[in-house]
Amino acid sequence: MTYFHIYSFILAALPLLLGFLFIWFGKKLWNNAAKKNEEYQQRYTGHTALRVIRVEKNEWEETNSNEQGPESRISVTSYTPVYEYTVNGQRYEYHTRIGSSIDQYPIGKEYPGYYNPKNPADVTETLNDITGGGNRFFSLLFFGIGVLAIIFALIRISAVITIL
């Protein structure tokens, strides 16, 4: 009977350890995303106006998989603006990665831009690192799983203690 109690306690404590591990890893991901975003903001300290000089229309076909029916091909269109900006009297052109499914970029319209003073050709439209958001999502996911695992473990441990 003693082995049963030890075995039950180990099975109850294992989710507790995994929960703390998930929380630790989630916090590590969160801190990495925050550090990366801070480095990103420190990189782009110059301010400039990005003026739309043209809009590129990109079209392609994708496969639309549908669980209720057969796969179909759909046509996708994306509009991405090309900006022009000036730093220290030198003109630069910037092809953005951010687009839209509708043409919402009027030629000549200006938007705020941020550039790297060490390399003015390095420019962005936003001071938020686009890739850092994914790490924050996963950090919250790991944190949530960790909390649920700890709650589950505490319920199991309390059940094992009442058996003893």
C-alpha atoms as a PDB file:
ATOM      1  CA  MET A   1       0.000   0.000   0.000  1.00  0.00           C
ATOM      2  CA  THR A   2       2.929   2.382   0.639  1.00  0.00           C
ATOM      3  CA  TYR A   3       4.043   2.092  -2.990  1.00  0.00           C
ATOM      4  CA  PHE A   4       0.550   3.110  -4.071  1.00  0.00           C
ATOM      5  CA  HIS A   5       0.763   6.330  -2.032  1.00  0.00           C
ATOM      6  CA  ILE A   6       4.235   7.168  -3.366  1.00  0.00           C
ATOM      7  CA  TYR A   7       3.120   6.431  -6.911  1.00  0.00           C
ATOM      8  CA  SER A   8      -0.024   8.564  -6.476  1.00  0.00           C
ATOM      9  CA  PHE A   9       1.951  11.455  -5.014  1.00  0.00           C
ATOM     10  CA  ILE A  10       4.510  11.349  -7.857  1.00  0.00           C
ATOM     11  CA  LEU A  11       1.708  11.349 -10.445  1.00  0.00           C
ATOM     12  CA  ALA A  12       0.168  14.332  -8.674  1.00  0.00           C
ATOM     13  CA  ALA A  13       3.466  16.240  -8.346  1.00  0.00           C
ATOM     14  CA  LEU A  14       4.522  15.721 -11.976  1.00  0.00           C
ATOM     15  CA  PRO A  15       1.964  18.213 -13.392  1.00  0.00           C
ATOM     16  CA  LEU A  16       3.114  20.685 -10.723  1.00  0.00           C
ATOM     17  CA  LEU A  17       6.698  20.480 -11.972  1.00  0.00           C
ATOM     18  CA  LEU A  18       5.557  20.698 -15.599  1.00  0.00           C
ATOM     19  CA  GLY A  19       3.396  23.711 -14.724  1.00  0.00           C
ATOM     20  CA  PHE A  20       6.346  25.566 -13.240  1.00  0.00           C
ATOM     21  CA  LEU A  21       8.438  24.609 -16.266  1.00  0.00           C
ATOM     22  CA  PHE A  22       5.785  25.966 -18.657  1.00  0.00           C
ATOM     23  CA  ILE A  23       5.519  29.211 -16.669  1.00  0.00           C
ATOM     24  CA  TRP A  24       9.316  29.608 -16.647  1.00  0.00           C
ATOM     25  CA  PHE A  25       9.493  29.035 -20.412  1.00  0.00           C
ATOM     26  CA  GLY A  26       6.577  31.434 -21.041  1.00  0.00           C
ATOM     27  CA  LYS A  27       8.311  34.118 -18.982  1.00  0.00           C
ATOM     28  CA  LYS A  28      11.542  33.523 -20.911  1.00  0.00           C
ATOM     29  CA  LEU A  29       9.704  33.943 -24.246  1.00  0.00           C
ATOM     30  CA  TRP A  30       8.004  37.107 -22.965  1.00  0.00           C
ATOM     31  CA  ASN A  31      11.316  38.619 -21.849  1.00  0.00           C
ATOM     32  CA  ASN A  32      12.959  37.731 -25.178  1.00  0.00           C
ATOM     33  CA  ALA A  33      10.107  39.393 -27.090  1.00  0.00           C
ATOM     34  CA  ALA A  34      10.350  42.491 -24.875  1.00  0.00           C
ATOM     35  CA  LYS A  35      14.121  42.654 -25.361  1.00  0.00           C
ATOM     36  CA  LYS A  36      13.787  42.246 -29.133  1.00  0.00           C
ATOM     37  CA  ASN A  37      11.107  44.947 -29.297  1.00  0.00           C
ATOM     38  CA  GLU A  38      13.270  47.302 -27.213  1.00  0.00           C
ATOM     39  CA  GLU A  39      16.258  46.700 -29.516  1.00  0.00           C
ATOM     40  CA  TYR A  40      13.968  47.355 -32.480  1.00  0.00           C
ATOM     41  CA  GLN A  41      12.803  50.684 -31.023  1.00  0.00           C
ATOM     42  CA  GLN A  42      16.381  51.730 -30.228  1.00  0.00           C
ATOM     43  CA  ARG A  43      17.412  50.886 -33.791  1.00  0.00           C
ATOM     44  CA  TYR A  44      14.834  53.173 -35.447  1.00  0.00           C
ATOM     45  CA  THR A  45      15.302  56.522 -33.708  1.00  0.00           C
ATOM     46  CA  GLY A  46      15.199  58.791 -36.767  1.00  0.00           C
ATOM     47  CA  HIS A  47      11.848  60.217 -37.888  1.00  0.00           C
ATOM     48  CA  THR A  48      10.840  60.893 -41.473  1.00  0.00           C
ATOM     49  CA  ALA A  49       7.756  61.173 -43.650  1.00  0.00           C
ATOM     50  CA  LEU A  50       7.049  58.228 -45.949  1.00  0.00           C
ATOM     51  CA  ARG A  51       5.253  59.451 -49.081  1.00  0.00           C
ATOM     52  CA  VAL A  52       3.407  56.956 -51.277  1.00  0.00           C
ATOM     53  CA  ILE A  53       4.838  57.137 -54.813  1.00  0.00           C
ATOM     54  CA  ARG A  54       3.103  54.088 -56.255  1.00  0.00           C
ATOM     55  CA  VAL A  55       1.094  51.042 -55.261  1.00  0.00           C
ATOM     56  CA  GLU A  56       2.074  47.574 -56.412  1.00  0.00           C
ATOM     57  CA  LYS A  57      -0.727  45.167 -57.139  1.00  0.00           C
ATOM     58  CA  ASN A  58       0.171  41.531 -56.508  1.00  0.00           C
ATOM     59  CA  GLU A  59      -2.113  38.722 -57.645  1.00  0.00           C
ATOM     60  CA  TRP A  60      -1.794  34.996 -57.081  1.00  0.00           C
ATOM     61  CA  GLU A  61      -3.934  31.924 -56.677  1.00  0.00           C
ATOM     62  CA  GLU A  62      -4.230  29.836 -53.554  1.00  0.00           C
ATOM     63  CA  THR A  63      -5.845  26.531 -52.792  1.00  0.00           C
ATOM     64  CA  ASN A  64      -8.834  26.880 -50.518  1.00  0.00           C
ATOM     65  CA  SER A  65      -9.223  23.613 -48.624  1.00  0.00           C
ATOM     66  CA  ASN A  66     -12.722  23.091 -47.381  1.00  0.00           C
ATOM     67  CA  GLU A  67     -13.642  20.201 -45.066  1.00  0.00           C
ATOM     68  CA  GLN A  68     -17.227  20.129 -46.343  1.00  0.00           C
ATOM     69  CA  GLY A  69     -16.354  19.990 -50.014  1.00  0.00           C
ATOM     70  CA  PRO A  70     -13.649  19.746 -52.619  1.00  0.00           C
ATOM     71  CA  GLU A  71     -10.650  22.041 -52.732  1.00  0.00           C
ATOM     72  CA  SER A  72     -11.007  25.127 -54.854  1.00  0.00           C
ATOM     73  CA  ARG A  73      -8.660  27.743 -56.251  1.00  0.00           C
ATOM     74  CA  ILE A  74      -9.169  31.329 -55.165  1.00  0.00           C
ATOM     75  CA  SER A  75      -7.620  34.469 -56.566  1.00  0.00           C
ATOM     76  CA  VAL A  76      -5.905  36.706 -53.997  1.00  0.00           C
ATOM     77  CA  THR A  77      -4.969  40.348 -54.559  1.00  0.00           C
ATOM     78  CA  SER A  78      -2.716  42.409 -52.337  1.00  0.00           C
ATOM     79  CA  TYR A  79      -1.808  46.079 -52.634  1.00  0.00           C
ATOM     80  CA  THR A  80       1.508  47.210 -51.163  1.00  0.00           C
ATOM     81  CA  PRO A  81       2.646  50.822 -51.224  1.00  0.00           C
ATOM     82  CA  VAL A  82       6.094  51.915 -52.308  1.00  0.00           C
ATOM     83  CA  TYR A  83       7.288  54.879 -50.282  1.00  0.00           C
ATOM     84  CA  GLU A  84       9.772  57.627 -50.921  1.00  0.00           C
ATOM     85  CA  TYR A  85      11.515  59.464 -48.099  1.00  0.00           C
ATOM     86  CA  THR A  86      14.447  61.813 -47.648  1.00  0.00           C
ATOM     87  CA  VAL A  87      17.171  61.748 -45.002  1.00  0.00           C
ATOM     88  CA  ASN A  88      19.939  64.374 -44.944  1.00  0.00           C
ATOM     89  CA  GLY A  89      19.043  65.464 -48.461  1.00  0.00           C
ATOM     90  CA  GLN A  90      19.314  61.952 -49.900  1.00  0.00           C
ATOM     91  CA  ARG A  91      16.217  60.322 -51.436  1.00  0.00           C
ATOM     92  CA  TYR A  92      15.373  56.696 -50.617  1.00  0.00           C
ATOM     93  CA  GLU A  93      12.712  54.281 -51.783  1.00  0.00           C
ATOM     94  CA  TYR A  94      11.082  51.735 -49.494  1.00  0.00           C
ATOM     95  CA  HIS A  95       9.075  48.681 -50.571  1.00  0.00           C
ATOM     96  CA  THR A  96       6.974  47.740 -47.591  1.00  0.00           C
ATOM     97  CA  ARG A  97       6.084  44.206 -46.463  1.00  0.00           C
ATOM     98  CA  ILE A  98       2.745  45.392 -45.116  1.00  0.00           C
ATOM     99  CA  GLY A  99      -0.109  45.299 -47.604  1.00  0.00           C
ATOM    100  CA  SER A 100      -3.860  45.318 -47.837  1.00  0.00           C
ATOM    101  CA  SER A 101      -6.521  43.462 -49.776  1.00  0.00           C
ATOM    102  CA  ILE A 102      -7.929  46.804 -50.945  1.00  0.00           C
ATOM    103  CA  ASP A 103      -6.118  49.728 -52.553  1.00  0.00           C
ATOM    104  CA  GLN A 104      -6.181  52.193 -49.674  1.00  0.00           C
ATOM    105  CA  TYR A 105      -2.925  54.040 -50.333  1.00  0.00           C
ATOM    106  CA  PRO A 106      -3.477  57.320 -52.225  1.00  0.00           C
ATOM    107  CA  ILE A 107      -0.464  58.497 -54.223  1.00  0.00           C
ATOM    108  CA  GLY A 108       1.214  61.407 -52.432  1.00  0.00           C
ATOM    109  CA  LYS A 109      -0.198  60.624 -48.989  1.00  0.00           C
ATOM    110  CA  GLU A 110       2.368  60.784 -46.207  1.00  0.00           C
ATOM    111  CA  TYR A 111       2.733  58.430 -43.264  1.00  0.00           C
ATOM    112  CA  PRO A 112       5.144  58.544 -40.327  1.00  0.00           C
ATOM    113  CA  GLY A 113       8.324  56.545 -40.794  1.00  0.00           C
ATOM    114  CA  TYR A 114      11.272  55.614 -38.632  1.00  0.00           C
ATOM    115  CA  TYR A 115      14.785  54.984 -39.873  1.00  0.00           C
ATOM    116  CA  ASN A 116      18.089  53.767 -38.498  1.00  0.00           C
ATOM    117  CA  PRO A 117      20.415  56.815 -38.238  1.00  0.00           C
ATOM    118  CA  LYS A 118      23.420  54.529 -38.809  1.00  0.00           C
ATOM    119  CA  ASN A 119      21.851  53.252 -42.042  1.00  0.00           C
ATOM    120  CA  PRO A 120      19.103  55.553 -43.408  1.00  0.00           C
ATOM    121  CA  ALA A 121      18.137  52.927 -46.018  1.00  0.00           C
ATOM    122  CA  ASP A 122      16.892  50.799 -43.078  1.00  0.00           C
ATOM    123  CA  VAL A 123      13.368  52.137 -42.489  1.00  0.00           C
ATOM    124  CA  THR A 124      10.052  50.924 -41.053  1.00  0.00           C
ATOM    125  CA  GLU A 125       6.460  52.148 -40.704  1.00  0.00           C
ATOM    126  CA  THR A 126       6.019  51.008 -37.113  1.00  0.00           C
ATOM    127  CA  LEU A 127       8.086  50.922 -33.958  1.00  0.00           C
ATOM    128  CA  ASN A 128       6.544  47.624 -32.956  1.00  0.00           C
ATOM    129  CA  ASP A 129       8.581  44.664 -34.087  1.00  0.00           C
ATOM    130  CA  ILE A 130       6.148  42.672 -36.202  1.00  0.00           C
ATOM    131  CA  THR A 131       7.814  39.333 -35.381  1.00  0.00           C
ATOM    132  CA  GLY A 132       7.875  39.971 -31.606  1.00  0.00           C
ATOM    133  CA  GLY A 133       4.080  39.544 -31.343  1.00  0.00           C
ATOM    134  CA  GLY A 134       4.299  35.839 -32.108  1.00  0.00           C
ATOM    135  CA  ASN A 135       6.632  35.268 -29.199  1.00  0.00           C
ATOM    136  CA  ARG A 136       4.294  37.138 -26.887  1.00  0.00           C
ATOM    137  CA  PHE A 137       1.356  34.989 -27.997  1.00  0.00           C
ATOM    138  CA  PHE A 138       3.280  31.787 -27.325  1.00  0.00           C
ATOM    139  CA  SER A 139       4.552  33.096 -23.994  1.00  0.00           C
ATOM    140  CA  LEU A 140       0.966  33.723 -22.877  1.00  0.00           C
ATOM    141  CA  LEU A 141      -0.026  30.298 -24.159  1.00  0.00           C
ATOM    142  CA  PHE A 142       2.766  28.596 -22.197  1.00  0.00           C
ATOM    143  CA  PHE A 143       1.945  30.668 -19.127  1.00  0.00           C
ATOM    144  CA  GLY A 144      -1.737  29.666 -19.329  1.00  0.00           C
ATOM    145  CA  ILE A 145      -0.915  25.976 -19.765  1.00  0.00           C
ATOM    146  CA  GLY A 146       1.458  26.235 -16.799  1.00  0.00           C
ATOM    147  CA  VAL A 147      -1.208  27.766 -14.555  1.00  0.00           C
ATOM    148  CA  LEU A 148      -3.735  25.091 -15.566  1.00  0.00           C
ATOM    149  CA  ALA A 149      -1.170  22.343 -14.902  1.00  0.00           C
ATOM    150  CA  ILE A 150      -0.445  23.766 -11.435  1.00  0.00           C
ATOM    151  CA  ILE A 151      -4.150  23.975 -10.584  1.00  0.00           C
ATOM    152  CA  PHE A 152      -4.628  20.398 -11.800  1.00  0.00           C
ATOM    153  CA  ALA A 153      -1.601  19.280  -9.745  1.00  0.00           C
ATOM    154  CA  LEU A 154      -2.823  20.980  -6.584  1.00  0.00           C
ATOM    155  CA  ILE A 155      -6.230  19.321  -6.939  1.00  0.00           C
ATOM    156  CA  ARG A 156      -4.513  15.946  -7.422  1.00  0.00           C
ATOM    157  CA  ILE A 157      -2.161  16.493  -4.484  1.00  0.00           C
ATOM    158  CA  SER A 158      -5.034  17.458  -2.199  1.00  0.00           C
ATOM    159  CA  ALA A 159      -6.872  14.303  -3.285  1.00  0.00           C
ATOM    160  CA  VAL A 160      -3.801  12.151  -2.520  1.00  0.00           C
ATOM    161  CA  ILE A 161      -3.372  13.797   0.903  1.00  0.00           C
ATOM    162  CA  THR A 162      -7.006  13.048   1.822  1.00  0.00           C
ATOM    163  CA  ILE A 163      -6.417   9.399   0.866  1.00  0.00           C
ATOM    164  CA  LEU A 164      -3.459   9.211   3.259  1.00  0.00           C
END
